Amino acid sequence: MFGGIGMPELIVILVIVLIIFGANKLPQIGEGLGKGIRNFKKATKEKEEIEHKDKENENSGEKK
């Protein structure tokens, strides 16, 4: 599944996380993780758009 991590290992990890953080904190942890991933994707996408615009500006400057 994840390069050697199977279902039994994932269940053990989930149980450990439940013991450490408790069931009440899991939604908050998931929300924070989701926001972090979303911000990372947004930042990488914006960087690609900026690089693409810079290349277009360089190409249009060379043609004139």
N, C-alpha and C. Protein backbone atom coordinates (compact mmCIF):
# COMPACT_ATOMS: atom_id res chain seq x y z
N MET A 1 0.83 -1.19 0.00
CA MET A 1 0.00 0.00 0.00
C MET A 1 0.88 1.26 0.00
N PHE A 2 1.59 1.54 1.09
CA PHE A 2 2.46 2.70 1.17
C PHE A 2 3.91 2.25 1.30
N GLY A 3 4.37 1.44 0.38
CA GLY A 3 5.76 1.02 0.39
C GLY A 3 6.11 0.16 1.60
N GLY A 4 5.31 -0.83 1.89
CA GLY A 4 5.61 -1.71 3.01
C GLY A 4 4.71 -1.51 4.21
N ILE A 5 3.92 -0.46 4.21
CA ILE A 5 2.98 -0.24 5.32
C ILE A 5 1.64 -0.80 4.90
N GLY A 6 1.23 -1.84 5.60
CA GLY A 6 -0.04 -2.49 5.28
C GLY A 6 -1.14 -2.07 6.23
N MET A 7 -2.27 -2.74 6.14
CA MET A 7 -3.42 -2.40 6.97
C MET A 7 -3.14 -2.62 8.46
N PRO A 8 -2.50 -3.70 8.87
CA PRO A 8 -2.24 -3.87 10.31
C PRO A 8 -1.37 -2.74 10.90
N GLU A 9 -0.38 -2.31 10.15
CA GLU A 9 0.49 -1.23 10.62
C GLU A 9 -0.29 0.08 10.74
N LEU A 10 -1.16 0.36 9.77
CA LEU A 10 -1.97 1.58 9.82
C LEU A 10 -2.91 1.56 11.02
N ILE A 11 -3.47 0.40 11.34
CA ILE A 11 -4.36 0.29 12.49
C ILE A 11 -3.59 0.54 13.78
N VAL A 12 -2.39 -0.01 13.89
CA VAL A 12 -1.57 0.21 15.08
C VAL A 12 -1.24 1.69 15.23
N ILE A 13 -0.88 2.35 14.12
CA ILE A 13 -0.58 3.78 14.15
C ILE A 13 -1.81 4.57 14.58
N LEU A 14 -2.97 4.23 14.07
CA LEU A 14 -4.20 4.92 14.44
C LEU A 14 -4.50 4.76 15.92
N VAL A 15 -4.32 3.55 16.46
CA VAL A 15 -4.56 3.32 17.89
C VAL A 15 -3.59 4.14 18.73
N ILE A 16 -2.33 4.20 18.34
CA ILE A 16 -1.35 4.99 19.08
C ILE A 16 -1.73 6.47 19.06
N VAL A 17 -2.14 6.98 17.90
CA VAL A 17 -2.56 8.38 17.78
C VAL A 17 -3.78 8.64 18.66
N LEU A 18 -4.73 7.71 18.68
CA LEU A 18 -5.91 7.87 19.54
C LEU A 18 -5.51 7.92 21.01
N ILE A 19 -4.57 7.09 21.41
CA ILE A 19 -4.14 7.07 22.81
C ILE A 19 -3.43 8.38 23.17
N ILE A 20 -2.58 8.86 22.27
CA ILE A 20 -1.80 10.06 22.57
C ILE A 20 -2.67 11.32 22.57
N PHE A 21 -3.47 11.50 21.54
CA PHE A 21 -4.21 12.75 21.39
C PHE A 21 -5.64 12.68 21.88
N GLY A 22 -6.23 11.53 21.89
CA GLY A 22 -7.63 11.40 22.29
C GLY A 22 -8.56 11.62 21.10
N ALA A 23 -9.77 11.11 21.23
CA ALA A 23 -10.72 11.18 20.12
C ALA A 23 -11.20 12.61 19.87
N ASN A 24 -11.21 13.45 20.88
CA ASN A 24 -11.71 14.82 20.71
C ASN A 24 -10.76 15.70 19.90
N LYS A 25 -9.48 15.41 19.92
CA LYS A 25 -8.49 16.23 19.21
C LYS A 25 -8.29 15.81 17.76
N LEU A 26 -8.70 14.61 17.39
CA LEU A 26 -8.45 14.13 16.03
C LEU A 26 -9.05 15.02 14.95
N PRO A 27 -10.29 15.51 15.08
CA PRO A 27 -10.80 16.41 14.03
C PRO A 27 -9.98 17.68 13.87
N GLN A 28 -9.49 18.21 14.98
CA GLN A 28 -8.66 19.42 14.91
C GLN A 28 -7.33 19.13 14.23
N ILE A 29 -6.75 17.97 14.53
CA ILE A 29 -5.49 17.59 13.90
C ILE A 29 -5.70 17.39 12.40
N GLY A 30 -6.78 16.72 12.04
CA GLY A 30 -7.09 16.51 10.62
C GLY A 30 -7.33 17.81 9.89
N GLU A 31 -8.02 18.73 10.53
CA GLU A 31 -8.28 20.03 9.91
C GLU A 31 -6.98 20.79 9.69
N GLY A 32 -6.11 20.79 10.69
CA GLY A 32 -4.83 21.47 10.56
C GLY A 32 -3.97 20.87 9.47
N LEU A 33 -3.96 19.54 9.41
CA LEU A 33 -3.19 18.85 8.37
C LEU A 33 -3.75 19.17 6.99
N GLY A 34 -5.07 19.19 6.86
CA GLY A 34 -5.70 19.52 5.57
C GLY A 34 -5.38 20.93 5.12
N LYS A 35 -5.42 21.88 6.06
CA LYS A 35 -5.09 23.27 5.72
C LYS A 35 -3.63 23.40 5.30
N GLY A 36 -2.76 22.67 5.98
CA GLY A 36 -1.35 22.72 5.62
C GLY A 36 -1.10 22.19 4.22
N ILE A 37 -1.73 21.07 3.88
CA ILE A 37 -1.59 20.50 2.54
C ILE A 37 -2.16 21.44 1.50
N ARG A 38 -3.32 22.03 1.79
CA ARG A 38 -3.97 22.96 0.86
C ARG A 38 -3.07 24.17 0.60
N ASN A 39 -2.49 24.73 1.66
CA ASN A 39 -1.61 25.89 1.51
C ASN A 39 -0.36 25.53 0.72
N PHE A 40 0.17 24.33 0.94
CA PHE A 40 1.36 23.89 0.20
C PHE A 40 1.05 23.78 -1.29
N LYS A 41 -0.08 23.17 -1.62
CA LYS A 41 -0.46 23.03 -3.03
C LYS A 41 -0.67 24.40 -3.67
N LYS A 42 -1.30 25.30 -2.93
CA LYS A 42 -1.55 26.64 -3.45
C LYS A 42 -0.24 27.38 -3.70
N ALA A 43 0.70 27.24 -2.78
CA ALA A 43 1.99 27.92 -2.93
C ALA A 43 2.76 27.38 -4.12
N THR A 44 2.75 26.07 -4.32
CA THR A 44 3.48 25.50 -5.45
C THR A 44 2.82 25.88 -6.76
N LYS A 45 1.50 25.94 -6.78
CA LYS A 45 0.79 26.33 -8.01
C LYS A 45 1.06 27.79 -8.35
N GLU A 46 1.06 28.67 -7.35
CA GLU A 46 1.34 30.07 -7.60
C GLU A 46 2.75 30.27 -8.11
N LYS A 47 3.70 29.49 -7.60
CA LYS A 47 5.09 29.60 -8.06
C LYS A 47 5.19 29.22 -9.53
N GLU A 48 4.49 28.16 -9.94
CA GLU A 48 4.51 27.74 -11.34
C GLU A 48 3.90 28.83 -12.23
N GLU A 49 2.82 29.47 -11.76
CA GLU A 49 2.18 30.52 -12.55
C GLU A 49 3.11 31.72 -12.69
N ILE A 50 3.81 32.07 -11.62
CA ILE A 50 4.74 33.20 -11.67
C ILE A 50 5.87 32.90 -12.64
N GLU A 51 6.44 31.68 -12.58
CA GLU A 51 7.51 31.31 -13.49
C GLU A 51 7.03 31.32 -14.93
N HIS A 52 5.80 30.86 -15.17
CA HIS A 52 5.25 30.84 -16.52
C HIS A 52 5.09 32.27 -17.05
N LYS A 53 4.60 33.18 -16.21
CA LYS A 53 4.43 34.57 -16.63
C LYS A 53 5.77 35.22 -16.91
N ASP A 54 6.79 34.91 -16.09
CA ASP A 54 8.12 35.46 -16.32
C ASP A 54 8.68 35.01 -17.66
N LYS A 55 8.48 33.76 -18.00
CA LYS A 55 8.97 33.26 -19.28
C LYS A 55 8.24 33.93 -20.44
N GLU A 56 6.92 34.15 -20.28
CA GLU A 56 6.17 34.83 -21.34
C GLU A 56 6.68 36.25 -21.52
N ASN A 57 6.97 36.93 -20.42
CA ASN A 57 7.48 38.30 -20.51
C ASN A 57 8.85 38.33 -21.17
N GLU A 58 9.70 37.37 -20.87
CA GLU A 58 11.01 37.31 -21.50
C GLU A 58 10.88 37.05 -22.99
N ASN A 59 9.99 36.16 -23.37
CA ASN A 59 9.80 35.83 -24.79
C ASN A 59 9.20 37.01 -25.54
N SER A 60 8.28 37.71 -24.95
CA SER A 60 7.67 38.86 -25.64
C SER A 60 8.68 40.01 -25.76
N GLY A 61 9.59 40.15 -24.81
CA GLY A 61 10.61 41.18 -24.88
C GLY A 61 11.64 40.89 -25.95
N GLU A 62 11.92 39.62 -26.20
CA GLU A 62 12.90 39.26 -27.21
C GLU A 62 12.35 39.44 -28.62
N LYS A 63 11.04 39.31 -28.79
CA LYS A 63 10.43 39.42 -30.12
C LYS A 63 10.36 40.85 -30.61
N LYS A 64 10.34 41.80 -29.69
CA LYS A 64 10.19 43.21 -30.09
C LYS A 64 11.44 43.80 -30.64
